[in-house]
Amino acid sequence: MTPVAQGLVMGVDIGGTKIAAGFVDGDGKIVRQIRHPMVANGTAEAGLQAVFDAINALTSSASKDAFGAIGICAPGPLDPKTGIVLNPPNVPCWRNFPLAQKVAEKYRQPVKLDNDGNAAALAETRWGAAHGYHYVFYATLGTGIGTGSVLDGRIYHGNTGAAAEGGHVTIDYRGPVCHCGKRGCIEILAAGPAIGKRARAKVEAEPARAARILEFAKGNVASVTSEHVAQAYVAGDLLAREVLEETVELLVPWLGNIVDLLDPDILVMGGGVSSTLQPFFGEIKERLPRWCVNPRASEIPLVLAHYGADAGIAGGAALCA
């Protein structure tokens, strides 16, 4: 393996089951990356060692001067000012854990820490789909819904660092209880698990129309997921389209609230669910003005993110760029 180029930064993306790490150049190109298991349910030290192992695997053939900083995306809540991970549900091994300090002490490099939504928003602004825009709202739709806001090139953190938790904006105060404890958050209504749940209900109620979805789920109603809905939709299935249309109906008022609150000049959507919903982006834009007081809502571009599964690596690097 050839040595990596000089002048790079490292992005590290920590999730509940894996750690992705990569070198990123000044143009936002990921020039090398690796994946490594995360130990999220053990001790704090075991989780930290998993991070060290991932970084060591990436740097095994690089000189110590090959990169100049480390940017880390980790699940929130966390404090980006102090670099402390507070109490993330997906990484229970860390409670009030000084992650940035520990990594900086180990590798003698500047380290920055932020949540994945904020960091991905910054990467899209610096190098991706929102390059050249000033008021960026980013949302990643997958297993959950994470968001970030970048204003004039800077992440908007708010007073305590907890701003832009857009996935936990309530659109139905009588709705189901979200994992965060609130009712009717957009995450519990429109993220991947919610799409799968609605699909399962439709399959059970109308089995005669569900043949294509069941085909992808190998005949098991209980195993139907949003991924099966996406596959069936691509294959032309009408029931899958209905499920996705219902998701759009939920997302439009949520995005209307975002537009009225932040007045962004671009909306960027990332994550697997966003890729599935891309054919509906035109429909979302068409409906948006009916859910906004902003008379120019229809002028706001709605685009798919540039960085797909690599958003965390690019986002970590963007923190240090």
C-alpha atoms as a PDB file:
ATOM      1  CA  MET A   1       0.000   0.000   0.000  1.00  0.00           C
ATOM      2  CA  THR A   2       1.456   3.368  -0.993  1.00  0.00           C
ATOM      3  CA  PRO A   3       1.842   6.132   1.578  1.00  0.00           C
ATOM      4  CA  VAL A   4      -0.965   8.682   1.745  1.00  0.00           C
ATOM      5  CA  ALA A   5      -0.443  12.236   0.563  1.00  0.00           C
ATOM      6  CA  GLN A   6       0.593  14.935   2.994  1.00  0.00           C
ATOM      7  CA  GLY A   7      -1.739  17.712   4.160  1.00  0.00           C
ATOM      8  CA  LEU A   8      -4.795  15.579   4.856  1.00  0.00           C
ATOM      9  CA  VAL A   9      -7.233  15.591   7.757  1.00  0.00           C
ATOM     10  CA  MET A  10      -8.834  12.538   9.297  1.00  0.00           C
ATOM     11  CA  GLY A  11     -12.557  12.077   9.661  1.00  0.00           C
ATOM     12  CA  VAL A  12     -13.858   9.496  12.142  1.00  0.00           C
ATOM     13  CA  ASP A  13     -17.519   8.487  12.165  1.00  0.00           C
ATOM     14  CA  ILE A  14     -18.618   6.615  15.307  1.00  0.00           C
ATOM     15  CA  GLY A  15     -21.877   4.700  15.285  1.00  0.00           C
ATOM     16  CA  GLY A  16     -23.525   2.152  17.508  1.00  0.00           C
ATOM     17  CA  THR A  17     -22.055  -0.837  15.644  1.00  0.00           C
ATOM     18  CA  LYS A  18     -19.200   0.460  13.488  1.00  0.00           C
ATOM     19  CA  ILE A  19     -16.531   3.107  13.165  1.00  0.00           C
ATOM     20  CA  ALA A  20     -15.623   4.508   9.767  1.00  0.00           C
ATOM     21  CA  ALA A  21     -12.404   6.485   9.387  1.00  0.00           C
ATOM     22  CA  GLY A  22     -10.815   8.109   6.382  1.00  0.00           C
ATOM     23  CA  PHE A  23      -8.304  10.623   5.107  1.00  0.00           C
ATOM     24  CA  VAL A  24      -9.834  13.624   3.335  1.00  0.00           C
ATOM     25  CA  ASP A  25      -7.989  16.127   1.170  1.00  0.00           C
ATOM     26  CA  GLY A  26      -8.557  19.859   0.856  1.00  0.00           C
ATOM     27  CA  ASP A  27     -11.147  19.391  -1.869  1.00  0.00           C
ATOM     28  CA  GLY A  28     -13.282  17.074   0.244  1.00  0.00           C
ATOM     29  CA  LYS A  29     -12.192  13.889  -1.533  1.00  0.00           C
ATOM     30  CA  ILE A  30     -11.910  10.800   0.650  1.00  0.00           C
ATOM     31  CA  VAL A  31      -8.614   9.261  -0.425  1.00  0.00           C
ATOM     32  CA  ARG A  32      -8.619   6.260   1.907  1.00  0.00           C
ATOM     33  CA  GLN A  33     -11.087   4.772   4.346  1.00  0.00           C
ATOM     34  CA  ILE A  34     -11.647   1.777   6.595  1.00  0.00           C
ATOM     35  CA  ARG A  35     -14.468   0.257   8.631  1.00  0.00           C
ATOM     36  CA  HIS A  36     -14.008  -1.193  12.114  1.00  0.00           C
ATOM     37  CA  PRO A  37     -16.403  -2.648  14.731  1.00  0.00           C
ATOM     38  CA  MET A  38     -17.529  -0.392  17.578  1.00  0.00           C
ATOM     39  CA  VAL A  39     -17.909  -1.705  21.133  1.00  0.00           C
ATOM     40  CA  ALA A  40     -20.852   0.410  22.269  1.00  0.00           C
ATOM     41  CA  ASN A  41     -22.282  -1.695  25.077  1.00  0.00           C
ATOM     42  CA  GLY A  42     -19.162  -2.428  27.100  1.00  0.00           C
ATOM     43  CA  THR A  43     -16.981  -0.209  29.221  1.00  0.00           C
ATOM     44  CA  ALA A  44     -15.968   3.319  28.319  1.00  0.00           C
ATOM     45  CA  GLU A  45     -12.391   2.114  27.906  1.00  0.00           C
ATOM     46  CA  ALA A  46     -13.430  -0.649  25.494  1.00  0.00           C
ATOM     47  CA  GLY A  47     -15.318   1.874  23.368  1.00  0.00           C
ATOM     48  CA  LEU A  48     -12.316   4.188  23.337  1.00  0.00           C
ATOM     49  CA  GLN A  49      -9.996   1.331  22.386  1.00  0.00           C
ATOM     50  CA  ALA A  50     -12.250   0.542  19.421  1.00  0.00           C
ATOM     51  CA  VAL A  51     -11.762   4.131  18.244  1.00  0.00           C
ATOM     52  CA  PHE A  52      -7.995   3.799  18.684  1.00  0.00           C
ATOM     53  CA  ASP A  53      -8.021   0.530  16.740  1.00  0.00           C
ATOM     54  CA  ALA A  54      -9.881   2.147  13.846  1.00  0.00           C
ATOM     55  CA  ILE A  55      -7.485   5.086  13.710  1.00  0.00           C
ATOM     56  CA  ASN A  56      -4.475   2.762  13.941  1.00  0.00           C
ATOM     57  CA  ALA A  57      -5.807   0.643  11.078  1.00  0.00           C
ATOM     58  CA  LEU A  58      -6.171   3.732   8.900  1.00  0.00           C
ATOM     59  CA  THR A  59      -2.725   5.099   9.755  1.00  0.00           C
ATOM     60  CA  SER A  60      -0.820   1.803   9.603  1.00  0.00           C
ATOM     61  CA  SER A  61       1.140   2.826   6.509  1.00  0.00           C
ATOM     62  CA  ALA A  62       1.033   6.607   6.909  1.00  0.00           C
ATOM     63  CA  SER A  63       3.728   8.782   8.426  1.00  0.00           C
ATOM     64  CA  LYS A  64       2.909  10.675  11.587  1.00  0.00           C
ATOM     65  CA  ASP A  65       2.913  13.917   9.600  1.00  0.00           C
ATOM     66  CA  ALA A  66       0.512  12.680   6.925  1.00  0.00           C
ATOM     67  CA  PHE A  67      -2.499  14.299   8.581  1.00  0.00           C
ATOM     68  CA  GLY A  68      -2.850  17.445  10.617  1.00  0.00           C
ATOM     69  CA  ALA A  69      -6.030  17.022  12.654  1.00  0.00           C
ATOM     70  CA  ILE A  70      -8.786  14.585  13.599  1.00  0.00           C
ATOM     71  CA  GLY A  71     -12.463  15.394  13.344  1.00  0.00           C
ATOM     72  CA  ILE A  72     -14.926  13.047  15.025  1.00  0.00           C
ATOM     73  CA  CYS A  73     -18.646  12.557  14.440  1.00  0.00           C
ATOM     74  CA  ALA A  74     -20.358  10.843  17.335  1.00  0.00           C
ATOM     75  CA  PRO A  75     -23.974  10.315  18.345  1.00  0.00           C
ATOM     76  CA  GLY A  76     -25.410  13.038  20.521  1.00  0.00           C
ATOM     77  CA  PRO A  77     -26.150  14.446  22.921  1.00  0.00           C
ATOM     78  CA  LEU A  78     -22.626  15.814  23.190  1.00  0.00           C
ATOM     79  CA  ASP A  79     -20.935  19.124  23.897  1.00  0.00           C
ATOM     80  CA  PRO A  80     -18.951  20.330  20.871  1.00  0.00           C
ATOM     81  CA  LYS A  81     -17.280  23.064  22.906  1.00  0.00           C
ATOM     82  CA  THR A  82     -15.695  20.721  25.445  1.00  0.00           C
ATOM     83  CA  GLY A  83     -15.519  17.582  23.305  1.00  0.00           C
ATOM     84  CA  ILE A  84     -17.482  15.594  25.879  1.00  0.00           C
ATOM     85  CA  VAL A  85     -19.948  12.877  24.877  1.00  0.00           C
ATOM     86  CA  LEU A  86     -22.875  13.255  27.260  1.00  0.00           C
ATOM     87  CA  ASN A  87     -25.421  10.410  27.141  1.00  0.00           C
ATOM     88  CA  PRO A  88     -26.031   9.004  23.655  1.00  0.00           C
ATOM     89  CA  PRO A  89     -28.655   6.234  23.527  1.00  0.00           C
ATOM     90  CA  ASN A  90     -26.819   4.474  20.691  1.00  0.00           C
ATOM     91  CA  VAL A  91     -23.437   4.448  22.472  1.00  0.00           C
ATOM     92  CA  PRO A  92     -24.314   3.701  26.115  1.00  0.00           C
ATOM     93  CA  CYS A  93     -20.704   2.985  27.077  1.00  0.00           C
ATOM     94  CA  TRP A  94     -19.994   6.733  27.223  1.00  0.00           C
ATOM     95  CA  ARG A  95     -21.545   9.007  29.821  1.00  0.00           C
ATOM     96  CA  ASN A  96     -19.926  12.434  30.283  1.00  0.00           C
ATOM     97  CA  PHE A  97     -16.904  10.998  28.513  1.00  0.00           C
ATOM     98  CA  PRO A  98     -14.098  13.371  27.360  1.00  0.00           C
ATOM     99  CA  LEU A  99     -13.649  11.720  23.966  1.00  0.00           C
ATOM    100  CA  ALA A 100     -11.876  14.592  22.197  1.00  0.00           C
ATOM    101  CA  GLN A 101      -9.373  14.970  25.017  1.00  0.00           C
ATOM    102  CA  LYS A 102      -8.602  11.237  25.099  1.00  0.00           C
ATOM    103  CA  VAL A 103      -7.987  11.062  21.342  1.00  0.00           C
ATOM    104  CA  ALA A 104      -5.884  14.254  21.366  1.00  0.00           C
ATOM    105  CA  GLU A 105      -3.691  12.893  24.163  1.00  0.00           C
ATOM    106  CA  LYS A 106      -3.164   9.623  22.299  1.00  0.00           C
ATOM    107  CA  TYR A 107      -2.286  11.032  18.871  1.00  0.00           C
ATOM    108  CA  ARG A 108      -0.894  14.476  19.722  1.00  0.00           C
ATOM    109  CA  GLN A 109      -3.167  16.095  17.161  1.00  0.00           C
ATOM    110  CA  PRO A 110      -5.889  18.748  17.355  1.00  0.00           C
ATOM    111  CA  VAL A 111      -9.265  17.021  17.712  1.00  0.00           C
ATOM    112  CA  LYS A 112     -12.758  18.389  17.111  1.00  0.00           C
ATOM    113  CA  LEU A 113     -15.993  16.627  18.004  1.00  0.00           C
ATOM    114  CA  ASP A 114     -19.557  17.210  16.849  1.00  0.00           C
ATOM    115  CA  ASN A 115     -22.714  15.248  16.148  1.00  0.00           C
ATOM    116  CA  ASP A 116     -23.162  13.591  12.796  1.00  0.00           C
ATOM    117  CA  GLY A 117     -25.946  15.868  11.534  1.00  0.00           C
ATOM    118  CA  ASN A 118     -23.992  19.052  12.161  1.00  0.00           C
ATOM    119  CA  ALA A 119     -20.793  17.676  10.693  1.00  0.00           C
ATOM    120  CA  ALA A 120     -22.473  16.287   7.580  1.00  0.00           C
ATOM    121  CA  ALA A 121     -24.186  19.643   7.052  1.00  0.00           C
ATOM    122  CA  LEU A 122     -20.805  21.337   7.158  1.00  0.00           C
ATOM    123  CA  ALA A 123     -19.282  18.857   4.703  1.00  0.00           C
ATOM    124  CA  GLU A 124     -22.137  19.402   2.257  1.00  0.00           C
ATOM    125  CA  THR A 125     -21.639  23.163   2.601  1.00  0.00           C
ATOM    126  CA  ARG A 126     -17.873  23.086   2.122  1.00  0.00           C
ATOM    127  CA  TRP A 127     -17.598  20.495  -0.621  1.00  0.00           C
ATOM    128  CA  GLY A 128     -20.936  18.952  -1.473  1.00  0.00           C
ATOM    129  CA  ALA A 129     -24.455  19.692  -2.642  1.00  0.00           C
ATOM    130  CA  ALA A 130     -24.742  22.974  -0.702  1.00  0.00           C
ATOM    131  CA  HIS A 131     -21.436  24.469  -1.823  1.00  0.00           C
ATOM    132  CA  GLY A 132     -21.878  28.195  -2.412  1.00  0.00           C
ATOM    133  CA  TYR A 133     -24.989  28.531  -0.245  1.00  0.00           C
ATOM    134  CA  HIS A 134     -25.141  30.584   2.962  1.00  0.00           C
ATOM    135  CA  TYR A 135     -28.113  29.251   4.958  1.00  0.00           C
ATOM    136  CA  VAL A 136     -28.062  25.481   4.773  1.00  0.00           C
ATOM    137  CA  PHE A 137     -30.465  23.018   6.371  1.00  0.00           C
ATOM    138  CA  TYR A 138     -29.378  19.380   6.181  1.00  0.00           C
ATOM    139  CA  ALA A 139     -31.371  16.312   7.174  1.00  0.00           C
ATOM    140  CA  THR A 140     -30.351  12.686   7.086  1.00  0.00           C
ATOM    141  CA  LEU A 141     -33.263  10.244   6.948  1.00  0.00           C
ATOM    142  CA  GLY A 142     -32.464   6.663   7.851  1.00  0.00           C
ATOM    143  CA  THR A 143     -32.984   4.622  11.008  1.00  0.00           C
ATOM    144  CA  GLY A 144     -33.528   8.000  12.655  1.00  0.00           C
ATOM    145  CA  ILE A 145     -33.662  11.592  11.463  1.00  0.00           C
ATOM    146  CA  GLY A 146     -30.696  13.828  12.193  1.00  0.00           C
ATOM    147  CA  THR A 147     -30.320  17.423  11.129  1.00  0.00           C
ATOM    148  CA  GLY A 148     -27.821  20.262  11.065  1.00  0.00           C
ATOM    149  CA  SER A 149     -27.811  23.954  10.180  1.00  0.00           C
ATOM    150  CA  VAL A 150     -24.903  25.900   8.738  1.00  0.00           C
ATOM    151  CA  LEU A 151     -25.193  29.690   8.675  1.00  0.00           C
ATOM    152  CA  ASP A 152     -22.589  31.663   6.713  1.00  0.00           C
ATOM    153  CA  GLY A 153     -20.206  28.715   6.787  1.00  0.00           C
ATOM    154  CA  ARG A 154     -20.513  27.967  10.487  1.00  0.00           C
ATOM    155  CA  ILE A 155     -22.501  25.293  12.300  1.00  0.00           C
ATOM    156  CA  TYR A 156     -25.297  26.772  14.361  1.00  0.00           C
ATOM    157  CA  HIS A 157     -24.925  25.151  17.789  1.00  0.00           C
ATOM    158  CA  GLY A 158     -27.214  27.345  19.874  1.00  0.00           C
ATOM    159  CA  ASN A 159     -26.630  28.276  23.495  1.00  0.00           C
ATOM    160  CA  THR A 160     -25.760  24.836  24.892  1.00  0.00           C
ATOM    161  CA  GLY A 161     -24.570  23.097  21.722  1.00  0.00           C
ATOM    162  CA  ALA A 162     -27.827  21.162  21.331  1.00  0.00           C
ATOM    163  CA  ALA A 163     -29.391  23.147  18.472  1.00  0.00           C
ATOM    164  CA  ALA A 164     -30.704  21.575  15.258  1.00  0.00           C
ATOM    165  CA  GLU A 165     -32.325  18.497  16.791  1.00  0.00           C
ATOM    166  CA  GLY A 166     -34.792  18.706  13.939  1.00  0.00           C
ATOM    167  CA  GLY A 167     -35.648  15.023  14.075  1.00  0.00           C
ATOM    168  CA  HIS A 168     -37.386  15.680  17.381  1.00  0.00           C
ATOM    169  CA  VAL A 169     -39.622  18.484  16.198  1.00  0.00           C
ATOM    170  CA  THR A 170     -43.190  17.419  16.967  1.00  0.00           C
ATOM    171  CA  ILE A 171     -45.749  17.558  14.163  1.00  0.00           C
ATOM    172  CA  ASP A 172     -48.487  15.636  16.034  1.00  0.00           C
ATOM    173  CA  TYR A 173     -48.736  16.220  19.771  1.00  0.00           C
ATOM    174  CA  ARG A 174     -51.110  13.253  20.052  1.00  0.00           C
ATOM    175  CA  GLY A 175     -48.844  11.000  18.009  1.00  0.00           C
ATOM    176  CA  PRO A 176     -46.801   7.974  19.102  1.00  0.00           C
ATOM    177  CA  VAL A 177     -44.154   8.372  21.759  1.00  0.00           C
ATOM    178  CA  CYS A 178     -40.701   8.856  20.269  1.00  0.00           C
ATOM    179  CA  HIS A 179     -37.539   7.261  21.693  1.00  0.00           C
ATOM    180  CA  CYS A 180     -36.676  10.700  23.053  1.00  0.00           C
ATOM    181  CA  GLY A 181     -39.824  10.685  25.204  1.00  0.00           C
ATOM    182  CA  LYS A 182     -41.799  13.307  23.263  1.00  0.00           C
ATOM    183  CA  ARG A 183     -44.905  12.579  21.220  1.00  0.00           C
ATOM    184  CA  GLY A 184     -45.241  12.853  17.470  1.00  0.00           C
ATOM    185  CA  CYS A 185     -41.644  13.677  16.537  1.00  0.00           C
ATOM    186  CA  ILE A 186     -40.973  13.513  12.818  1.00  0.00           C
ATOM    187  CA  GLU A 187     -38.405  10.765  13.539  1.00  0.00           C
ATOM    188  CA  ILE A 188     -40.960   8.369  15.023  1.00  0.00           C
ATOM    189  CA  LEU A 189     -43.352   9.098  12.144  1.00  0.00           C
ATOM    190  CA  ALA A 190     -41.169   9.231   9.025  1.00  0.00           C
ATOM    191  CA  ALA A 191     -37.818   7.497   9.613  1.00  0.00           C
ATOM    192  CA  GLY A 192     -37.070   4.036   8.220  1.00  0.00           C
ATOM    193  CA  PRO A 193     -38.652   2.008  11.055  1.00  0.00           C
ATOM    194  CA  ALA A 194     -41.894   4.019  10.770  1.00  0.00           C
ATOM    195  CA  ILE A 195     -42.029   3.373   7.020  1.00  0.00           C
ATOM    196  CA  GLY A 196     -41.572  -0.342   7.664  1.00  0.00           C
ATOM    197  CA  LYS A 197     -44.300  -0.308  10.323  1.00  0.00           C
ATOM    198  CA  ARG A 198     -46.813   1.370   8.003  1.00  0.00           C
ATOM    199  CA  ALA A 199     -45.924  -1.059   5.241  1.00  0.00           C
ATOM    200  CA  ARG A 200     -46.468  -4.073   7.506  1.00  0.00           C
ATOM    201  CA  ALA A 201     -49.903  -2.758   8.477  1.00  0.00           C
ATOM    202  CA  LYS A 202     -50.874  -2.355   4.822  1.00  0.00           C
ATOM    203  CA  VAL A 203     -49.542  -5.792   3.915  1.00  0.00           C
ATOM    204  CA  GLU A 204     -51.602  -7.388   6.680  1.00  0.00           C
ATOM    205  CA  ALA A 205     -54.721  -5.422   5.715  1.00  0.00           C
ATOM    206  CA  GLU A 206     -54.433  -5.915   1.946  1.00  0.00           C
ATOM    207  CA  PRO A 207     -52.400  -9.080   1.298  1.00  0.00           C
ATOM    208  CA  ALA A 208     -53.717  -9.321  -2.259  1.00  0.00           C
ATOM    209  CA  ARG A 209     -51.915  -6.065  -3.121  1.00  0.00           C
ATOM    210  CA  ALA A 210     -48.737  -6.894  -1.240  1.00  0.00           C
ATOM    211  CA  ALA A 211     -47.220  -9.631  -3.376  1.00  0.00           C
ATOM    212  CA  ARG A 212     -44.241  -7.571  -4.533  1.00  0.00           C
ATOM    213  CA  ILE A 213     -43.291  -6.301  -1.081  1.00  0.00           C
ATOM    214  CA  LEU A 214     -43.633  -9.811   0.342  1.00  0.00           C
ATOM    215  CA  GLU A 215     -41.457 -11.137  -2.449  1.00  0.00           C
ATOM    216  CA  PHE A 216     -38.592  -8.931  -1.308  1.00  0.00           C
ATOM    217  CA  ALA A 217     -39.317  -9.820   2.343  1.00  0.00           C
ATOM    218  CA  LYS A 218     -39.200 -13.539   1.460  1.00  0.00           C
ATOM    219  CA  GLY A 219     -42.858 -13.946   2.388  1.00  0.00           C
ATOM    220  CA  ASN A 220     -42.456 -12.860   6.007  1.00  0.00           C
ATOM    221  CA  VAL A 221     -44.782  -9.979   6.901  1.00  0.00           C
ATOM    222  CA  ALA A 222     -43.007  -9.362  10.205  1.00  0.00           C
ATOM    223  CA  SER A 223     -39.685  -8.799   8.441  1.00  0.00           C
ATOM    224  CA  VAL A 224     -40.919  -6.081   6.039  1.00  0.00           C
ATOM    225  CA  THR A 225     -38.671  -3.008   6.263  1.00  0.00           C
ATOM    226  CA  SER A 226     -38.304   0.341   4.557  1.00  0.00           C
ATOM    227  CA  GLU A 227     -35.651  -1.238   2.341  1.00  0.00           C
ATOM    228  CA  HIS A 228     -38.218  -3.730   1.025  1.00  0.00           C
ATOM    229  CA  VAL A 229     -40.608  -0.860   0.375  1.00  0.00           C
ATOM    230  CA  ALA A 230     -37.896   0.919  -1.590  1.00  0.00           C
ATOM    231  CA  GLN A 231     -37.168  -2.193  -3.660  1.00  0.00           C
ATOM    232  CA  ALA A 232     -40.851  -2.729  -4.396  1.00  0.00           C
ATOM    233  CA  TYR A 233     -41.328   0.911  -5.368  1.00  0.00           C
ATOM    234  CA  VAL A 234     -38.474   0.731  -7.872  1.00  0.00           C
ATOM    235  CA  ALA A 235     -40.164  -2.363  -9.303  1.00  0.00           C
ATOM    236  CA  GLY A 236     -43.361  -0.345  -9.854  1.00  0.00           C
ATOM    237  CA  ASP A 237     -45.405  -1.557  -6.882  1.00  0.00           C
ATOM    238  CA  LEU A 238     -48.432   0.649  -6.125  1.00  0.00           C
ATOM    239  CA  LEU A 239     -48.708  -0.312  -2.465  1.00  0.00           C
ATOM    240  CA  ALA A 240     -45.083   0.689  -1.899  1.00  0.00           C
ATOM    241  CA  ARG A 241     -45.792   3.997  -3.606  1.00  0.00           C
ATOM    242  CA  GLU A 242     -48.707   4.617  -1.225  1.00  0.00           C
ATOM    243  CA  VAL A 243     -46.436   4.049   1.773  1.00  0.00           C
ATOM    244  CA  LEU A 244     -43.903   6.538   0.426  1.00  0.00           C
ATOM    245  CA  GLU A 245     -46.638   9.065  -0.434  1.00  0.00           C
ATOM    246  CA  GLU A 246     -47.776   8.922   3.191  1.00  0.00           C
ATOM    247  CA  THR A 247     -44.200   9.603   4.270  1.00  0.00           C
ATOM    248  CA  VAL A 248     -44.123  12.645   1.997  1.00  0.00           C
ATOM    249  CA  GLU A 249     -47.369  13.892   3.587  1.00  0.00           C
ATOM    250  CA  LEU A 250     -45.619  13.829   6.966  1.00  0.00           C
ATOM    251  CA  LEU A 251     -42.371  15.404   5.785  1.00  0.00           C
ATOM    252  CA  VAL A 252     -43.948  18.377   4.008  1.00  0.00           C
ATOM    253  CA  PRO A 253     -45.428  20.112   7.099  1.00  0.00           C
ATOM    254  CA  TRP A 254     -42.225  19.385   8.988  1.00  0.00           C
ATOM    255  CA  LEU A 255     -40.115  21.006   6.275  1.00  0.00           C
ATOM    256  CA  GLY A 256     -42.597  23.877   6.184  1.00  0.00           C
ATOM    257  CA  ASN A 257     -41.901  24.501   9.859  1.00  0.00           C
ATOM    258  CA  ILE A 258     -38.156  24.360   9.183  1.00  0.00           C
ATOM    259  CA  VAL A 259     -38.440  26.877   6.349  1.00  0.00           C
ATOM    260  CA  ASP A 260     -40.499  29.291   8.428  1.00  0.00           C
ATOM    261  CA  LEU A 261     -38.094  28.989  11.352  1.00  0.00           C
ATOM    262  CA  LEU A 262     -34.724  29.137   9.552  1.00  0.00           C
ATOM    263  CA  ASP A 263     -35.416  30.599   6.080  1.00  0.00           C
ATOM    264  CA  PRO A 264     -32.698  28.442   4.458  1.00  0.00           C
ATOM    265  CA  ASP A 265     -31.509  29.028   0.903  1.00  0.00           C
ATOM    266  CA  ILE A 266     -31.148  25.260   0.310  1.00  0.00           C
ATOM    267  CA  LEU A 267     -32.524  22.026   1.776  1.00  0.00           C
ATOM    268  CA  VAL A 268     -30.209  19.018   1.566  1.00  0.00           C
ATOM    269  CA  MET A 269     -31.451  15.498   2.246  1.00  0.00           C
ATOM    270  CA  GLY A 270     -29.134  12.564   2.950  1.00  0.00           C
ATOM    271  CA  GLY A 271     -29.456   8.990   4.160  1.00  0.00           C
ATOM    272  CA  GLY A 272     -31.012   5.870   2.714  1.00  0.00           C
ATOM    273  CA  VAL A 273     -34.634   7.005   3.086  1.00  0.00           C
ATOM    274  CA  SER A 274     -33.832  10.267   1.296  1.00  0.00           C
ATOM    275  CA  SER A 275     -32.416   8.337  -1.643  1.00  0.00           C
ATOM    276  CA  THR A 276     -35.664   6.366  -1.791  1.00  0.00           C
ATOM    277  CA  LEU A 277     -37.711   9.566  -1.670  1.00  0.00           C
ATOM    278  CA  GLN A 278     -35.696  11.468  -4.276  1.00  0.00           C
ATOM    279  CA  PRO A 279     -38.326  10.825  -7.007  1.00  0.00           C
ATOM    280  CA  PHE A 280     -40.794  12.689  -4.756  1.00  0.00           C
ATOM    281  CA  PHE A 281     -38.631  15.803  -4.269  1.00  0.00           C
ATOM    282  CA  GLY A 282     -40.552  17.698  -6.953  1.00  0.00           C
ATOM    283  CA  GLU A 283     -43.823  16.838  -5.255  1.00  0.00           C
ATOM    284  CA  ILE A 284     -42.472  17.974  -1.883  1.00  0.00           C
ATOM    285  CA  LYS A 285     -41.421  21.330  -3.345  1.00  0.00           C
ATOM    286  CA  GLU A 286     -44.809  21.750  -4.998  1.00  0.00           C
ATOM    287  CA  ARG A 287     -46.650  21.135  -1.711  1.00  0.00           C
ATOM    288  CA  LEU A 288     -44.280  23.149   0.484  1.00  0.00           C
ATOM    289  CA  PRO A 289     -45.779  26.640  -0.078  1.00  0.00           C
ATOM    290  CA  ARG A 290     -49.101  25.443   1.351  1.00  0.00           C
ATOM    291  CA  TRP A 291     -47.312  24.710   4.625  1.00  0.00           C
ATOM    292  CA  CYS A 292     -45.242  27.907   4.843  1.00  0.00           C
ATOM    293  CA  VAL A 293     -45.955  31.537   5.525  1.00  0.00           C
ATOM    294  CA  ASN A 294     -42.743  32.289   3.640  1.00  0.00           C
ATOM    295  CA  PRO A 295     -43.988  33.435   0.204  1.00  0.00           C
ATOM    296  CA  ARG A 296     -40.748  32.351  -1.484  1.00  0.00           C
ATOM    297  CA  ALA A 297     -40.651  28.789  -0.182  1.00  0.00           C
ATOM    298  CA  SER A 298     -40.993  27.358  -3.685  1.00  0.00           C
ATOM    299  CA  GLU A 299     -37.681  28.973  -4.663  1.00  0.00           C
ATOM    300  CA  ILE A 300     -35.646  26.901  -2.174  1.00  0.00           C
ATOM    301  CA  PRO A 301     -33.751  24.045  -3.855  1.00  0.00           C
ATOM    302  CA  LEU A 302     -34.337  20.575  -2.399  1.00  0.00           C
ATOM    303  CA  VAL A 303     -31.407  18.338  -3.322  1.00  0.00           C
ATOM    304  CA  LEU A 304     -29.919  14.965  -2.481  1.00  0.00           C
ATOM    305  CA  ALA A 305     -26.718  15.042  -0.438  1.00  0.00           C
ATOM    306  CA  HIS A 306     -23.394  14.502  -2.187  1.00  0.00           C
ATOM    307  CA  TYR A 307     -21.901  12.297   0.520  1.00  0.00           C
ATOM    308  CA  GLY A 308     -23.948   9.143   0.959  1.00  0.00           C
ATOM    309  CA  ALA A 309     -22.714   6.510   3.387  1.00  0.00           C
ATOM    310  CA  ASP A 310     -19.477   8.496   3.755  1.00  0.00           C
ATOM    311  CA  ALA A 311     -21.147  11.592   5.240  1.00  0.00           C
ATOM    312  CA  GLY A 312     -19.628  10.973   8.672  1.00  0.00           C
ATOM    313  CA  ILE A 313     -16.060  10.719   7.371  1.00  0.00           C
ATOM    314  CA  ALA A 314     -16.430  13.866   5.277  1.00  0.00           C
ATOM    315  CA  GLY A 315     -18.230  15.589   8.127  1.00  0.00           C
ATOM    316  CA  GLY A 316     -15.504  14.826  10.628  1.00  0.00           C
ATOM    317  CA  ALA A 317     -12.899  16.172   8.241  1.00  0.00           C
ATOM    318  CA  ALA A 318     -14.975  19.288   7.574  1.00  0.00           C
ATOM    319  CA  LEU A 319     -14.845  20.128  11.278  1.00  0.00           C
ATOM    320  CA  CYS A 320     -11.083  20.557  10.915  1.00  0.00           C
ATOM    321  CA  ALA A 321     -10.948  22.116   7.447  1.00  0.00           C
END
